[in-house]
Amino acid sequence: MESRHYGEPEERKSIDSITKDNVSITQTGFITSLDAKRERAVVWKLDLHLLPLLAVMYLFNSLDKSNMGNAKTAGLAKDLKLHGHQYNLILSIFYVPYVLTAPFLAALGKKYGPSRVLPCMMFGFGTCTLLIVAVHNFAGLMAIRWFLGMCESAFFPLVIYYQTM
């Protein structure tokens, strides 16, 4: 067993055990584990900092998804003079870019880290949600819903990936 401080340069490639400040890190192959007390402390700290933020992000995401139903109840179809299946098309167009761009944005999230990509996605779908008030016709609403689907596409995969990191 080898004991060393974190700031010292590594002399060998494989480390059997590191002990400093009552934290024991044991490495077996590629698996690194903390002692149980330290692991509980780290998980609790992450739960206090990460989960409330993710819960607020999820709240905004679900509000954003449900706003079209609320808008229809408030007179969206009458204001934009929608007829026939136009409202159904507006709801459906969201899922086309949602499905098409999710793998690419999830790959970006893995490459650059979810802590960087998730805020960009939140900014994007917040902006699209705010721009809905500037829409005056069916085509404008279709375009906004398209970009909204792109911005929200990798939200859930990245949140899951973020929590597993």
Protein backbone atom coordinates (compact mmCIF):
# COMPACT_ATOMS: atom_id res chain seq x y z
CA MET A 1 0.00 0.00 0.00
CA GLU A 2 1.21 3.44 -0.89
CA SER A 3 0.25 6.62 0.94
CA ARG A 4 0.75 9.99 -0.70
CA HIS A 5 -0.65 13.53 -0.74
CA TYR A 6 -2.86 14.77 -3.57
CA GLY A 7 -0.50 17.54 -4.67
CA GLU A 8 2.51 15.30 -5.25
CA PRO A 9 3.21 14.06 -8.76
CA GLU A 10 2.22 10.49 -9.44
CA GLU A 11 5.19 8.15 -9.57
CA ARG A 12 3.41 5.02 -10.78
CA LYS A 13 0.41 4.47 -12.99
CA SER A 14 -1.54 2.21 -10.61
CA ILE A 15 -2.33 3.36 -7.11
CA ASP A 16 -3.53 0.84 -4.58
CA SER A 17 -4.71 3.25 -1.91
CA ILE A 18 -4.56 6.96 -1.09
CA THR A 19 -5.26 8.28 2.41
CA LYS A 20 -5.47 11.95 3.37
CA ASP A 21 -7.59 13.81 5.92
CA ASN A 22 -9.51 10.67 6.93
CA VAL A 23 -10.59 10.11 3.31
CA SER A 24 -9.61 6.76 1.93
CA ILE A 25 -9.74 6.29 -1.82
CA THR A 26 -9.07 2.77 -2.98
CA GLN A 27 -8.52 2.06 -6.64
CA THR A 28 -8.97 -1.37 -8.13
CA GLY A 29 -8.34 -1.33 -11.85
CA PHE A 30 -10.57 1.49 -13.11
CA ILE A 31 -13.05 1.52 -10.22
CA THR A 32 -12.45 4.14 -7.55
CA SER A 33 -14.43 4.14 -4.31
CA LEU A 34 -14.67 6.46 -1.32
CA ASP A 35 -15.29 5.30 2.19
CA ALA A 36 -18.97 5.16 3.13
CA LYS A 37 -19.02 8.25 5.38
CA ARG A 38 -17.37 10.49 2.80
CA GLU A 39 -19.60 9.14 0.02
CA ARG A 40 -22.74 9.98 2.03
CA ALA A 41 -21.44 13.51 2.61
CA VAL A 42 -20.74 14.03 -1.10
CA VAL A 43 -24.14 12.64 -2.15
CA TRP A 44 -25.92 14.83 0.41
CA LYS A 45 -24.06 17.93 -0.81
CA LEU A 46 -24.99 17.13 -4.42
CA ASP A 47 -28.60 16.55 -3.41
CA LEU A 48 -28.78 19.94 -1.71
CA HIS A 49 -27.20 21.84 -4.61
CA LEU A 50 -28.10 19.94 -7.75
CA LEU A 51 -31.59 18.55 -7.23
CA PRO A 52 -33.38 21.86 -6.42
CA LEU A 53 -31.91 23.44 -9.54
CA LEU A 54 -32.92 20.46 -11.68
CA ALA A 55 -36.39 20.53 -10.13
CA VAL A 56 -36.83 24.19 -11.13
CA MET A 57 -35.56 23.39 -14.64
CA TYR A 58 -38.06 20.52 -14.87
CA LEU A 59 -40.85 22.84 -13.67
CA PHE A 60 -40.08 25.37 -16.40
CA ASN A 61 -39.87 22.58 -18.97
CA SER A 62 -43.26 21.16 -18.00
CA LEU A 63 -44.84 24.64 -17.91
CA ASP A 64 -43.46 25.23 -21.37
CA LYS A 65 -44.94 22.00 -22.69
CA SER A 66 -48.37 22.71 -21.22
CA ASN A 67 -48.65 26.35 -22.28
CA MET A 68 -50.26 25.55 -25.66
CA GLY A 69 -53.24 23.94 -23.96
CA ASN A 70 -53.63 26.96 -21.70
CA ALA A 71 -53.27 29.30 -24.68
CA LYS A 72 -56.02 27.48 -26.59
CA THR A 73 -58.33 27.80 -23.61
CA ALA A 74 -57.52 31.51 -23.46
CA GLY A 75 -58.46 32.05 -27.14
CA LEU A 76 -55.35 31.27 -29.21
CA ALA A 77 -57.33 29.72 -32.06
CA LYS A 78 -59.57 32.78 -32.31
CA ASP A 79 -56.72 35.31 -32.09
CA LEU A 80 -54.61 33.60 -34.78
CA LYS A 81 -57.68 32.63 -36.86
CA LEU A 82 -56.76 28.95 -36.81
CA HIS A 83 -59.11 26.60 -38.63
CA GLY A 84 -59.35 22.88 -39.30
CA HIS A 85 -56.38 20.87 -38.09
CA GLN A 86 -53.97 23.80 -37.73
CA TYR A 87 -53.94 23.63 -33.93
CA ASN A 88 -53.14 19.89 -34.09
CA LEU A 89 -50.31 20.62 -36.56
CA ILE A 90 -48.91 23.23 -34.18
CA LEU A 91 -48.87 20.67 -31.39
CA SER A 92 -47.40 17.94 -33.59
CA ILE A 93 -44.63 19.95 -35.27
CA PHE A 94 -42.90 20.24 -31.88
CA TYR A 95 -42.03 16.52 -31.86
CA VAL A 96 -40.36 16.35 -35.29
CA PRO A 97 -37.21 18.32 -34.31
CA TYR A 98 -37.52 16.92 -30.79
CA VAL A 99 -36.84 13.43 -32.15
CA LEU A 100 -34.39 14.46 -34.89
CA THR A 101 -32.03 16.65 -32.83
CA ALA A 102 -32.03 14.80 -29.48
CA PRO A 103 -29.11 12.46 -30.34
CA PHE A 104 -26.91 15.31 -31.59
CA LEU A 105 -27.59 17.58 -28.63
CA ALA A 106 -27.09 14.69 -26.21
CA ALA A 107 -23.71 14.02 -27.85
CA LEU A 108 -22.82 17.70 -27.44
CA GLY A 109 -23.87 17.44 -23.81
CA LYS A 110 -21.57 14.49 -23.31
CA LYS A 111 -18.68 16.22 -25.07
CA TYR A 112 -18.94 19.65 -23.39
CA GLY A 113 -20.65 18.53 -20.18
CA PRO A 114 -24.28 18.85 -19.15
CA SER A 115 -23.40 21.71 -16.81
CA ARG A 116 -22.64 23.82 -19.90
CA VAL A 117 -25.21 22.52 -22.37
CA LEU A 118 -28.28 22.45 -20.07
CA PRO A 119 -28.17 26.20 -19.32
CA CYS A 120 -27.83 26.93 -23.04
CA MET A 121 -30.85 24.75 -23.74
CA MET A 122 -32.79 26.47 -20.95
CA PHE A 123 -31.92 29.86 -22.42
CA GLY A 124 -33.00 28.64 -25.87
CA PHE A 125 -36.36 27.29 -24.87
CA GLY A 126 -37.00 30.24 -22.54
CA THR A 127 -36.33 32.58 -25.44
CA CYS A 128 -38.63 30.60 -27.75
CA THR A 129 -41.35 30.66 -25.11
CA LEU A 130 -41.06 34.42 -24.77
CA LEU A 131 -41.07 34.88 -28.55
CA ILE A 132 -44.47 33.20 -28.80
CA VAL A 133 -46.02 36.54 -27.78
CA ALA A 134 -44.63 38.08 -31.00
CA VAL A 135 -46.45 35.56 -33.21
CA HIS A 136 -49.34 36.86 -35.31
CA ASN A 137 -50.14 33.94 -37.62
CA PHE A 138 -50.05 30.18 -38.07
CA ALA A 139 -46.67 30.13 -39.87
CA GLY A 140 -44.94 32.10 -37.12
CA LEU A 141 -46.26 29.79 -34.45
CA MET A 142 -45.16 26.75 -36.47
CA ALA A 143 -41.61 28.18 -36.71
CA ILE A 144 -41.43 28.94 -32.99
CA ARG A 145 -42.72 25.46 -32.09
CA TRP A 146 -40.08 23.92 -34.41
CA PHE A 147 -37.23 25.72 -32.64
CA LEU A 148 -38.79 25.01 -29.27
CA GLY A 149 -38.71 21.30 -30.07
CA MET A 150 -35.03 21.60 -30.96
CA CYS A 151 -34.18 23.42 -27.74
CA GLU A 152 -36.02 20.96 -25.50
CA SER A 153 -34.98 17.77 -27.26
CA ALA A 154 -32.04 16.62 -25.13
CA PHE A 155 -33.24 18.03 -21.81
CA PHE A 156 -34.25 14.74 -20.18
CA PRO A 157 -31.31 12.65 -21.47
CA LEU A 158 -28.86 15.29 -20.27
CA VAL A 159 -30.50 15.58 -16.85
CA ILE A 160 -30.23 11.81 -16.42
CA TYR A 161 -26.62 11.87 -17.64
CA TYR A 162 -25.85 14.78 -15.29
CA GLN A 163 -27.24 12.92 -12.30
CA THR A 164 -25.19 9.83 -13.05
CA MET A 165 -21.93 11.76 -13.26
